[in-house]
Amino acid sequence: MRALAGFIMRGRTEACIVALLGNIFPFVSPAAIGLVTLRKGSAEGVIVALWAVLPLIGTFYFSDGNQLLTLVSVAALLMMVVSANVLRVTASWQWTMMVTVVVGVVTALSFGGLFAAAIDAFVQDVAEVFAQLAKEQELQQAPFVPGRQFILGLMAWMLTLSAIASLLVSRWWQALLFNPGGFQQEFHKLRLDSRFALMLLTAVIAGLYLPSEYKPWLQLLSVPLLICGLALVHHSVRVLNGGGQWLALVYFGLVFTGSLTAVLLLTLGFADSILNLRSRLAAFKNR
């Protein structure tokens, strides 16, 4: 990865090549955009992003695939410039995550207004798939069918989570080149101000009383707390000299148990913002 990051930083041409071809692999194109933006500013980041968008433009005009999903992918790449520039200017992961959440919401709602017909057609396609599954499985009770708000919320959640995850990779690459070990220290210190954490948790709890249609919006609001919970776990494993198997277990839980592990991490992220669990862990270790 260090070699790839070094190649990106050799110049604009190299960065654009990686961004153009990186769409084949997860996180490569957006992380390249993020790395360039972090080091050289938003103007250079936009240029690299435009090269990353080129294959998607071709897909949009010449492919029979879902054009809506292609446009969402374009928005995800352009969001990287915004998120990376916020981190570059503020040097604050808290503000970066909060702004990314807001941009994700605005982008999804904009799609809902500008491409209303495409969204409605996509919702209809999803409804037909669910209806066919219910018929094949002979379900007695009609299953939940995602509607317009569910799809828009899912879009906002995917855009936000993708941007933050890709930006973490960008920051890791930056540290490999210019500040070895710096990313680990930065990530392990990641926590939210208690006011932000309380605001997010209150919104999530209040949203539990809303219909299932709004569930992705709750997941979106919980993303910053989830990331902070992961940071706390990484920090705790290092301080307590735990093995990598503990981190593997956490990520295994996220993939295969989903909401259960996510709720645990969210709770840890919130508790850390209120109680500063890192300082308590240090005090425990030094006894």
C-alpha atoms as a PDB file:
ATOM      1  CA  MET A   1       0.000   0.000   0.000  1.00  0.00           C
ATOM      2  CA  ARG A   2       2.869   2.362   0.675  1.00  0.00           C
ATOM      3  CA  ALA A   3       4.126   1.827  -2.867  1.00  0.00           C
ATOM      4  CA  LEU A   4       0.690   2.641  -4.277  1.00  0.00           C
ATOM      5  CA  ALA A   5       0.402   5.785  -2.157  1.00  0.00           C
ATOM      6  CA  GLY A   6       3.887   6.829  -3.231  1.00  0.00           C
ATOM      7  CA  PHE A   7       2.970   6.329  -6.885  1.00  0.00           C
ATOM      8  CA  ILE A   8      -0.118   8.531  -6.451  1.00  0.00           C
ATOM      9  CA  MET A   9       1.990  11.284  -4.908  1.00  0.00           C
ATOM     10  CA  ARG A  10       4.547  11.270  -7.731  1.00  0.00           C
ATOM     11  CA  GLY A  11       2.407  13.656  -9.756  1.00  0.00           C
ATOM     12  CA  ARG A  12      -0.988  14.507 -11.219  1.00  0.00           C
ATOM     13  CA  THR A  13      -0.664  12.020 -14.089  1.00  0.00           C
ATOM     14  CA  GLU A  14       0.055   9.110 -11.764  1.00  0.00           C
ATOM     15  CA  ALA A  15      -2.792  10.082  -9.419  1.00  0.00           C
ATOM     16  CA  CYS A  16      -5.237  10.326 -12.324  1.00  0.00           C
ATOM     17  CA  ILE A  17      -4.169   6.910 -13.649  1.00  0.00           C
ATOM     18  CA  VAL A  18      -4.812   5.288 -10.261  1.00  0.00           C
ATOM     19  CA  ALA A  19      -8.148   7.083  -9.922  1.00  0.00           C
ATOM     20  CA  LEU A  20      -9.166   6.023 -13.435  1.00  0.00           C
ATOM     21  CA  LEU A  21      -8.237   2.364 -13.053  1.00  0.00           C
ATOM     22  CA  GLY A  22      -8.965   2.084  -9.335  1.00  0.00           C
ATOM     23  CA  ASN A  23     -12.709   1.696  -9.875  1.00  0.00           C
ATOM     24  CA  ILE A  24     -11.995  -1.997 -10.375  1.00  0.00           C
ATOM     25  CA  PHE A  25     -11.028  -2.354  -6.706  1.00  0.00           C
ATOM     26  CA  PRO A  26     -12.897  -1.272  -3.557  1.00  0.00           C
ATOM     27  CA  PHE A  27     -11.834   2.070  -2.017  1.00  0.00           C
ATOM     28  CA  VAL A  28      -8.861   2.660  -4.381  1.00  0.00           C
ATOM     29  CA  SER A  29     -10.323   5.487  -6.488  1.00  0.00           C
ATOM     30  CA  PRO A  30     -11.980   7.397  -3.607  1.00  0.00           C
ATOM     31  CA  ALA A  31      -8.933   6.910  -1.377  1.00  0.00           C
ATOM     32  CA  ALA A  32      -6.682   8.273  -4.142  1.00  0.00           C
ATOM     33  CA  ILE A  33      -8.941  11.320  -4.436  1.00  0.00           C
ATOM     34  CA  GLY A  34      -8.820  11.768  -0.672  1.00  0.00           C
ATOM     35  CA  LEU A  35      -5.032  11.466  -0.495  1.00  0.00           C
ATOM     36  CA  VAL A  36      -4.482  14.066  -3.234  1.00  0.00           C
ATOM     37  CA  THR A  37      -6.991  16.441  -1.635  1.00  0.00           C
ATOM     38  CA  LEU A  38      -5.388  16.067   1.796  1.00  0.00           C
ATOM     39  CA  ARG A  39      -1.929  16.869   0.457  1.00  0.00           C
ATOM     40  CA  LYS A  40      -2.591  19.298  -2.406  1.00  0.00           C
ATOM     41  CA  GLY A  41      -6.010  20.829  -1.832  1.00  0.00           C
ATOM     42  CA  SER A  42      -9.476  20.610  -3.332  1.00  0.00           C
ATOM     43  CA  ALA A  43      -8.505  21.917  -6.802  1.00  0.00           C
ATOM     44  CA  GLU A  44      -6.157  18.982  -7.406  1.00  0.00           C
ATOM     45  CA  GLY A  45      -8.654  16.655  -5.770  1.00  0.00           C
ATOM     46  CA  VAL A  46     -11.380  17.699  -8.214  1.00  0.00           C
ATOM     47  CA  ILE A  47      -9.111  17.042 -11.201  1.00  0.00           C
ATOM     48  CA  VAL A  48      -8.324  13.529  -9.958  1.00  0.00           C
ATOM     49  CA  ALA A  49     -12.003  12.940  -9.156  1.00  0.00           C
ATOM     50  CA  LEU A  50     -13.026  13.880 -12.701  1.00  0.00           C
ATOM     51  CA  TRP A  51     -10.698  11.215 -14.079  1.00  0.00           C
ATOM     52  CA  ALA A  52     -12.175   8.676 -11.679  1.00  0.00           C
ATOM     53  CA  VAL A  53     -15.657   9.643 -12.900  1.00  0.00           C
ATOM     54  CA  LEU A  54     -14.827   9.041 -16.597  1.00  0.00           C
ATOM     55  CA  PRO A  55     -15.571   5.268 -16.603  1.00  0.00           C
ATOM     56  CA  LEU A  56     -18.836   5.937 -14.802  1.00  0.00           C
ATOM     57  CA  ILE A  57     -19.858   8.491 -17.416  1.00  0.00           C
ATOM     58  CA  GLY A  58     -19.197   5.870 -20.078  1.00  0.00           C
ATOM     59  CA  THR A  59     -21.286   3.375 -18.132  1.00  0.00           C
ATOM     60  CA  PHE A  60     -24.088   5.920 -17.808  1.00  0.00           C
ATOM     61  CA  TYR A  61     -24.340   6.568 -21.556  1.00  0.00           C
ATOM     62  CA  PHE A  62     -23.389   3.240 -23.109  1.00  0.00           C
ATOM     63  CA  SER A  63     -24.448   0.564 -20.618  1.00  0.00           C
ATOM     64  CA  ASP A  64     -27.847  -0.974 -20.006  1.00  0.00           C
ATOM     65  CA  GLY A  65     -27.174  -1.030 -16.258  1.00  0.00           C
ATOM     66  CA  ASN A  66     -29.029   0.995 -13.644  1.00  0.00           C
ATOM     67  CA  GLN A  67     -28.200   4.626 -14.391  1.00  0.00           C
ATOM     68  CA  LEU A  68     -29.318   5.742 -10.936  1.00  0.00           C
ATOM     69  CA  LEU A  69     -26.682   3.587  -9.247  1.00  0.00           C
ATOM     70  CA  THR A  70     -24.074   4.994 -11.634  1.00  0.00           C
ATOM     71  CA  LEU A  71     -25.004   8.557 -10.631  1.00  0.00           C
ATOM     72  CA  VAL A  72     -24.778   7.605  -6.964  1.00  0.00           C
ATOM     73  CA  SER A  73     -21.267   6.269  -7.582  1.00  0.00           C
ATOM     74  CA  VAL A  74     -20.333   9.584  -9.229  1.00  0.00           C
ATOM     75  CA  ALA A  75     -21.689  11.470  -6.202  1.00  0.00           C
ATOM     76  CA  ALA A  76     -19.658   9.240  -3.868  1.00  0.00           C
ATOM     77  CA  LEU A  77     -16.417  10.131  -5.662  1.00  0.00           C
ATOM     78  CA  LEU A  78     -17.159  13.853  -5.637  1.00  0.00           C
ATOM     79  CA  MET A  79     -18.092  13.683  -1.940  1.00  0.00           C
ATOM     80  CA  MET A  80     -14.538  12.559  -1.225  1.00  0.00           C
ATOM     81  CA  VAL A  81     -13.207  15.972  -2.247  1.00  0.00           C
ATOM     82  CA  VAL A  82     -15.536  17.675   0.232  1.00  0.00           C
ATOM     83  CA  SER A  83     -14.831  15.315   3.133  1.00  0.00           C
ATOM     84  CA  ALA A  84     -11.063  15.286   2.600  1.00  0.00           C
ATOM     85  CA  ASN A  85     -10.933  19.059   2.327  1.00  0.00           C
ATOM     86  CA  VAL A  86     -12.854  19.457   5.597  1.00  0.00           C
ATOM     87  CA  LEU A  87     -10.329  17.187   7.330  1.00  0.00           C
ATOM     88  CA  ARG A  88      -7.465  19.070   5.695  1.00  0.00           C
ATOM     89  CA  VAL A  89      -8.731  22.464   6.861  1.00  0.00           C
ATOM     90  CA  THR A  90     -10.060  21.581  10.318  1.00  0.00           C
ATOM     91  CA  ALA A  91      -7.770  18.646  11.254  1.00  0.00           C
ATOM     92  CA  SER A  92     -10.836  17.368  13.126  1.00  0.00           C
ATOM     93  CA  TRP A  93     -12.396  13.970  12.509  1.00  0.00           C
ATOM     94  CA  GLN A  94     -15.418  15.035  14.507  1.00  0.00           C
ATOM     95  CA  TRP A  95     -16.243  17.925  12.171  1.00  0.00           C
ATOM     96  CA  THR A  96     -15.315  15.857   9.142  1.00  0.00           C
ATOM     97  CA  MET A  97     -17.764  13.100  10.062  1.00  0.00           C
ATOM     98  CA  MET A  98     -20.543  15.533  10.920  1.00  0.00           C
ATOM     99  CA  VAL A  99     -20.119  17.452   7.652  1.00  0.00           C
ATOM    100  CA  THR A 100     -19.986  14.166   5.721  1.00  0.00           C
ATOM    101  CA  VAL A 101     -23.279  13.094   7.291  1.00  0.00           C
ATOM    102  CA  VAL A 102     -24.873  16.402   6.299  1.00  0.00           C
ATOM    103  CA  VAL A 103     -23.507  16.179   2.750  1.00  0.00           C
ATOM    104  CA  GLY A 104     -24.785  12.604   2.497  1.00  0.00           C
ATOM    105  CA  VAL A 105     -28.266  13.718   3.535  1.00  0.00           C
ATOM    106  CA  VAL A 106     -28.284  16.695   1.154  1.00  0.00           C
ATOM    107  CA  THR A 107     -27.039  14.534  -1.718  1.00  0.00           C
ATOM    108  CA  ALA A 108     -29.677  11.854  -1.183  1.00  0.00           C
ATOM    109  CA  LEU A 109     -32.496  14.399  -0.882  1.00  0.00           C
ATOM    110  CA  SER A 110     -31.208  16.147  -4.007  1.00  0.00           C
ATOM    111  CA  PHE A 111     -31.377  12.853  -5.871  1.00  0.00           C
ATOM    112  CA  GLY A 112     -34.932  12.457  -4.621  1.00  0.00           C
ATOM    113  CA  GLY A 113     -35.857  15.812  -6.145  1.00  0.00           C
ATOM    114  CA  LEU A 114     -33.773  15.860  -9.319  1.00  0.00           C
ATOM    115  CA  PHE A 115     -34.256  12.225 -10.279  1.00  0.00           C
ATOM    116  CA  ALA A 116     -37.700  11.570  -8.806  1.00  0.00           C
ATOM    117  CA  ALA A 117     -38.824   9.426 -11.740  1.00  0.00           C
ATOM    118  CA  ALA A 118     -35.715   7.229 -11.554  1.00  0.00           C
ATOM    119  CA  ILE A 119     -36.117   6.840  -7.783  1.00  0.00           C
ATOM    120  CA  ASP A 120     -39.797   5.890  -8.155  1.00  0.00           C
ATOM    121  CA  ALA A 121     -38.938   3.374 -10.882  1.00  0.00           C
ATOM    122  CA  PHE A 122     -36.244   1.841  -8.679  1.00  0.00           C
ATOM    123  CA  VAL A 123     -38.668   1.623  -5.743  1.00  0.00           C
ATOM    124  CA  GLN A 124     -41.177  -0.095  -8.013  1.00  0.00           C
ATOM    125  CA  ASP A 125     -38.559  -2.606  -9.173  1.00  0.00           C
ATOM    126  CA  VAL A 126     -37.645  -3.394  -5.562  1.00  0.00           C
ATOM    127  CA  ALA A 127     -41.331  -3.819  -4.668  1.00  0.00           C
ATOM    128  CA  GLU A 128     -41.791  -6.297  -7.521  1.00  0.00           C
ATOM    129  CA  VAL A 129     -38.765  -8.307  -6.363  1.00  0.00           C
ATOM    130  CA  PHE A 130     -40.121  -8.491  -2.810  1.00  0.00           C
ATOM    131  CA  ALA A 131     -43.561  -9.461  -4.090  1.00  0.00           C
ATOM    132  CA  GLN A 132     -42.048 -12.251  -6.190  1.00  0.00           C
ATOM    133  CA  LEU A 133     -40.048 -13.548  -3.211  1.00  0.00           C
ATOM    134  CA  ALA A 134     -43.142 -13.530  -1.022  1.00  0.00           C
ATOM    135  CA  LYS A 135     -45.039 -15.471  -3.677  1.00  0.00           C
ATOM    136  CA  GLU A 136     -42.283 -18.054  -4.096  1.00  0.00           C
ATOM    137  CA  GLN A 137     -41.932 -18.578  -0.340  1.00  0.00           C
ATOM    138  CA  GLU A 138     -45.715 -18.556   0.177  1.00  0.00           C
ATOM    139  CA  LEU A 139     -45.521 -16.138   3.068  1.00  0.00           C
ATOM    140  CA  GLN A 140     -48.717 -15.724   5.072  1.00  0.00           C
ATOM    141  CA  GLN A 141     -47.896 -12.152   6.032  1.00  0.00           C
ATOM    142  CA  ALA A 142     -46.799  -9.539   3.519  1.00  0.00           C
ATOM    143  CA  PRO A 143     -43.114  -8.671   4.027  1.00  0.00           C
ATOM    144  CA  PHE A 144     -41.856  -5.153   4.570  1.00  0.00           C
ATOM    145  CA  VAL A 145     -41.341  -3.501   1.200  1.00  0.00           C
ATOM    146  CA  PRO A 146     -38.826  -0.621   1.097  1.00  0.00           C
ATOM    147  CA  GLY A 147     -40.379   2.628  -0.061  1.00  0.00           C
ATOM    148  CA  ARG A 148     -39.043   5.939  -1.284  1.00  0.00           C
ATOM    149  CA  GLN A 149     -37.792   7.205   2.097  1.00  0.00           C
ATOM    150  CA  PHE A 150     -36.102   3.883   2.812  1.00  0.00           C
ATOM    151  CA  ILE A 151     -34.230   3.973  -0.503  1.00  0.00           C
ATOM    152  CA  LEU A 152     -33.155   7.605  -0.043  1.00  0.00           C
ATOM    153  CA  GLY A 153     -32.026   6.910   3.518  1.00  0.00           C
ATOM    154  CA  LEU A 154     -30.099   3.857   2.364  1.00  0.00           C
ATOM    155  CA  MET A 155     -28.456   6.002  -0.322  1.00  0.00           C
ATOM    156  CA  ALA A 156     -27.422   8.652   2.232  1.00  0.00           C
ATOM    157  CA  TRP A 157     -26.083   5.969   4.587  1.00  0.00           C
ATOM    158  CA  MET A 158     -24.040   4.273   1.844  1.00  0.00           C
ATOM    159  CA  LEU A 159     -22.598   7.583   0.609  1.00  0.00           C
ATOM    160  CA  THR A 160     -21.616   8.670   4.121  1.00  0.00           C
ATOM    161  CA  LEU A 161     -20.136   5.363   5.244  1.00  0.00           C
ATOM    162  CA  SER A 162     -18.224   4.978   1.979  1.00  0.00           C
ATOM    163  CA  ALA A 163     -16.792   8.501   2.233  1.00  0.00           C
ATOM    164  CA  ILE A 164     -15.637   8.089   5.838  1.00  0.00           C
ATOM    165  CA  ALA A 165     -14.169   4.623   5.249  1.00  0.00           C
ATOM    166  CA  SER A 166     -12.327   5.800   2.120  1.00  0.00           C
ATOM    167  CA  LEU A 167     -11.041   8.864   3.954  1.00  0.00           C
ATOM    168  CA  LEU A 168      -9.646   6.642   6.699  1.00  0.00           C
ATOM    169  CA  VAL A 169      -7.712   4.754   4.010  1.00  0.00           C
ATOM    170  CA  SER A 170      -6.495   8.073   2.542  1.00  0.00           C
ATOM    171  CA  ARG A 171      -5.261   9.229   5.936  1.00  0.00           C
ATOM    172  CA  TRP A 172      -3.536   5.891   6.485  1.00  0.00           C
ATOM    173  CA  TRP A 173      -1.744   6.235   3.140  1.00  0.00           C
ATOM    174  CA  GLN A 174      -0.750   9.791   3.998  1.00  0.00           C
ATOM    175  CA  ALA A 175       0.733   8.638   7.296  1.00  0.00           C
ATOM    176  CA  LEU A 176       2.647   5.809   5.603  1.00  0.00           C
ATOM    177  CA  LEU A 177       4.383   8.359   3.386  1.00  0.00           C
ATOM    178  CA  PHE A 178       4.831  11.377   5.618  1.00  0.00           C
ATOM    179  CA  ASN A 179       4.197  10.388   9.233  1.00  0.00           C
ATOM    180  CA  PRO A 180       4.749   6.670   9.932  1.00  0.00           C
ATOM    181  CA  GLY A 181       2.661   5.535  12.892  1.00  0.00           C
ATOM    182  CA  GLY A 182       0.759   8.808  12.969  1.00  0.00           C
ATOM    183  CA  PHE A 183      -2.492   7.367  11.668  1.00  0.00           C
ATOM    184  CA  GLN A 184      -2.666   4.801  14.460  1.00  0.00           C
ATOM    185  CA  GLN A 185      -2.277   7.503  17.092  1.00  0.00           C
ATOM    186  CA  GLU A 186      -4.819   9.728  15.368  1.00  0.00           C
ATOM    187  CA  PHE A 187      -7.404   6.973  14.949  1.00  0.00           C
ATOM    188  CA  HIS A 188      -6.972   5.670  18.488  1.00  0.00           C
ATOM    189  CA  LYS A 189      -7.753   9.165  19.848  1.00  0.00           C
ATOM    190  CA  LEU A 190     -10.918   9.527  17.784  1.00  0.00           C
ATOM    191  CA  ARG A 191     -13.898  10.443  19.952  1.00  0.00           C
ATOM    192  CA  LEU A 192     -16.847  12.822  19.782  1.00  0.00           C
ATOM    193  CA  ASP A 193     -17.557  15.807  21.947  1.00  0.00           C
ATOM    194  CA  SER A 194     -20.210  14.878  24.499  1.00  0.00           C
ATOM    195  CA  ARG A 195     -22.686  17.404  23.056  1.00  0.00           C
ATOM    196  CA  PHE A 196     -22.448  15.969  19.562  1.00  0.00           C
ATOM    197  CA  ALA A 197     -22.701  12.415  20.875  1.00  0.00           C
ATOM    198  CA  LEU A 198     -25.755  13.237  22.975  1.00  0.00           C
ATOM    199  CA  MET A 199     -27.416  14.960  20.034  1.00  0.00           C
ATOM    200  CA  LEU A 200     -26.846  11.981  17.760  1.00  0.00           C
ATOM    201  CA  LEU A 201     -27.957   9.406  20.313  1.00  0.00           C
ATOM    202  CA  THR A 202     -31.103  11.396  21.121  1.00  0.00           C
ATOM    203  CA  ALA A 203     -31.977  11.551  17.429  1.00  0.00           C
ATOM    204  CA  VAL A 204     -31.383   7.815  17.028  1.00  0.00           C
ATOM    205  CA  ILE A 205     -33.541   6.928  20.048  1.00  0.00           C
ATOM    206  CA  ALA A 206     -36.306   9.275  18.916  1.00  0.00           C
ATOM    207  CA  GLY A 207     -36.175   7.692  15.476  1.00  0.00           C
ATOM    208  CA  LEU A 208     -36.851   4.237  16.910  1.00  0.00           C
ATOM    209  CA  TYR A 209     -40.499   5.270  17.227  1.00  0.00           C
ATOM    210  CA  LEU A 210     -40.719   6.020  13.511  1.00  0.00           C
ATOM    211  CA  PRO A 211     -41.897   3.445  10.940  1.00  0.00           C
ATOM    212  CA  SER A 212     -39.407   0.927   9.516  1.00  0.00           C
ATOM    213  CA  GLU A 213     -39.306   3.057   6.374  1.00  0.00           C
ATOM    214  CA  TYR A 214     -36.956   5.453   8.207  1.00  0.00           C
ATOM    215  CA  LYS A 215     -34.536   2.859   9.611  1.00  0.00           C
ATOM    216  CA  PRO A 216     -31.637   3.751   7.233  1.00  0.00           C
ATOM    217  CA  TRP A 217     -31.788   7.366   8.417  1.00  0.00           C
ATOM    218  CA  LEU A 218     -31.185   6.147  11.972  1.00  0.00           C
ATOM    219  CA  GLN A 219     -28.246   4.069  10.787  1.00  0.00           C
ATOM    220  CA  LEU A 220     -26.878   7.167   9.067  1.00  0.00           C
ATOM    221  CA  LEU A 221     -26.975   9.219  12.272  1.00  0.00           C
ATOM    222  CA  SER A 222     -25.229   6.446  14.165  1.00  0.00           C
ATOM    223  CA  VAL A 223     -22.223   6.257  11.793  1.00  0.00           C
ATOM    224  CA  PRO A 224     -19.994   8.748  13.724  1.00  0.00           C
ATOM    225  CA  LEU A 225     -20.658   6.937  17.003  1.00  0.00           C
ATOM    226  CA  LEU A 226     -19.982   3.594  15.323  1.00  0.00           C
ATOM    227  CA  ILE A 227     -16.616   4.799  13.978  1.00  0.00           C
ATOM    228  CA  CYS A 228     -15.675   6.150  17.424  1.00  0.00           C
ATOM    229  CA  GLY A 229     -16.611   2.809  18.963  1.00  0.00           C
ATOM    230  CA  LEU A 230     -14.278   1.060  16.533  1.00  0.00           C
ATOM    231  CA  ALA A 231     -11.515   3.514  17.403  1.00  0.00           C
ATOM    232  CA  LEU A 232     -11.994   2.750  21.103  1.00  0.00           C
ATOM    233  CA  VAL A 233     -11.777  -0.994  20.438  1.00  0.00           C
ATOM    234  CA  HIS A 234      -8.536  -0.568  18.468  1.00  0.00           C
ATOM    235  CA  HIS A 235      -7.112   1.598  21.257  1.00  0.00           C
ATOM    236  CA  SER A 236      -8.133  -0.861  23.966  1.00  0.00           C
ATOM    237  CA  VAL A 237      -6.606  -3.830  22.159  1.00  0.00           C
ATOM    238  CA  ARG A 238      -3.287  -1.978  21.854  1.00  0.00           C
ATOM    239  CA  VAL A 239      -3.235  -0.747  25.467  1.00  0.00           C
ATOM    240  CA  LEU A 240      -4.141  -4.171  26.854  1.00  0.00           C
ATOM    241  CA  ASN A 241      -1.685  -5.911  24.499  1.00  0.00           C
ATOM    242  CA  GLY A 242      -4.466  -7.946  22.970  1.00  0.00           C
ATOM    243  CA  GLY A 243      -3.867  -9.912  19.816  1.00  0.00           C
ATOM    244  CA  GLY A 244      -5.219  -9.170  16.380  1.00  0.00           C
ATOM    245  CA  GLN A 245      -7.772 -11.924  16.842  1.00  0.00           C
ATOM    246  CA  TRP A 246      -9.856  -9.573  18.984  1.00  0.00           C
ATOM    247  CA  LEU A 247     -10.086  -7.027  16.183  1.00  0.00           C
ATOM    248  CA  ALA A 248     -10.844  -9.818  13.722  1.00  0.00           C
ATOM    249  CA  LEU A 249     -13.671 -10.957  16.013  1.00  0.00           C
ATOM    250  CA  VAL A 250     -15.173  -7.447  16.055  1.00  0.00           C
ATOM    251  CA  TYR A 251     -15.109  -7.102  12.274  1.00  0.00           C
ATOM    252  CA  PHE A 252     -16.425 -10.641  11.911  1.00  0.00           C
ATOM    253  CA  GLY A 253     -19.324  -9.625  14.152  1.00  0.00           C
ATOM    254  CA  LEU A 254     -20.008  -6.525  12.062  1.00  0.00           C
ATOM    255  CA  VAL A 255     -20.211  -8.600   8.899  1.00  0.00           C
ATOM    256  CA  PHE A 256     -22.147 -11.594  10.176  1.00  0.00           C
ATOM    257  CA  THR A 257     -24.218 -10.317  13.111  1.00  0.00           C
ATOM    258  CA  GLY A 258     -24.792  -6.826  11.777  1.00  0.00           C
ATOM    259  CA  SER A 259     -26.953  -4.739  14.060  1.00  0.00           C
ATOM    260  CA  LEU A 260     -25.987  -6.514  17.311  1.00  0.00           C
ATOM    261  CA  THR A 261     -22.278  -5.676  16.999  1.00  0.00           C
ATOM    262  CA  ALA A 262     -23.099  -2.246  15.566  1.00  0.00           C
ATOM    263  CA  VAL A 263     -25.258  -1.383  18.587  1.00  0.00           C
ATOM    264  CA  LEU A 264     -22.460  -2.488  20.924  1.00  0.00           C
ATOM    265  CA  LEU A 265     -19.921  -0.291  19.117  1.00  0.00           C
ATOM    266  CA  LEU A 266     -22.353   2.619  19.035  1.00  0.00           C
ATOM    267  CA  THR A 267     -22.843   2.282  22.789  1.00  0.00           C
ATOM    268  CA  LEU A 268     -19.085   2.204  23.364  1.00  0.00           C
ATOM    269  CA  GLY A 269     -18.619   5.272  21.185  1.00  0.00           C
ATOM    270  CA  PHE A 270     -21.251   7.183  23.135  1.00  0.00           C
ATOM    271  CA  ALA A 271     -19.966   6.028  26.535  1.00  0.00           C
ATOM    272  CA  ASP A 272     -16.442   7.100  25.609  1.00  0.00           C
ATOM    273  CA  SER A 273     -17.612  10.580  24.611  1.00  0.00           C
ATOM    274  CA  ILE A 274     -19.333  11.024  27.985  1.00  0.00           C
ATOM    275  CA  LEU A 275     -17.003   9.142  30.352  1.00  0.00           C
ATOM    276  CA  ASN A 276     -13.661   9.293  28.479  1.00  0.00           C
ATOM    277  CA  LEU A 277     -13.121   5.553  28.763  1.00  0.00           C
ATOM    278  CA  ARG A 278      -9.597   5.875  27.373  1.00  0.00           C
ATOM    279  CA  SER A 279      -8.380   7.745  30.473  1.00  0.00           C
ATOM    280  CA  ARG A 280     -10.075   5.219  32.726  1.00  0.00           C
ATOM    281  CA  LEU A 281      -8.458   2.398  30.782  1.00  0.00           C
ATOM    282  CA  ALA A 282      -5.050   4.037  31.177  1.00  0.00           C
ATOM    283  CA  ALA A 283      -5.613   4.432  34.925  1.00  0.00           C
ATOM    284  CA  PHE A 284      -6.596   0.768  35.164  1.00  0.00           C
ATOM    285  CA  LYS A 285      -3.491  -0.305  33.218  1.00  0.00           C
ATOM    286  CA  ASN A 286      -1.174   1.747  35.445  1.00  0.00           C
ATOM    287  CA  ARG A 287      -2.403   0.286  38.717  1.00  0.00           C
END
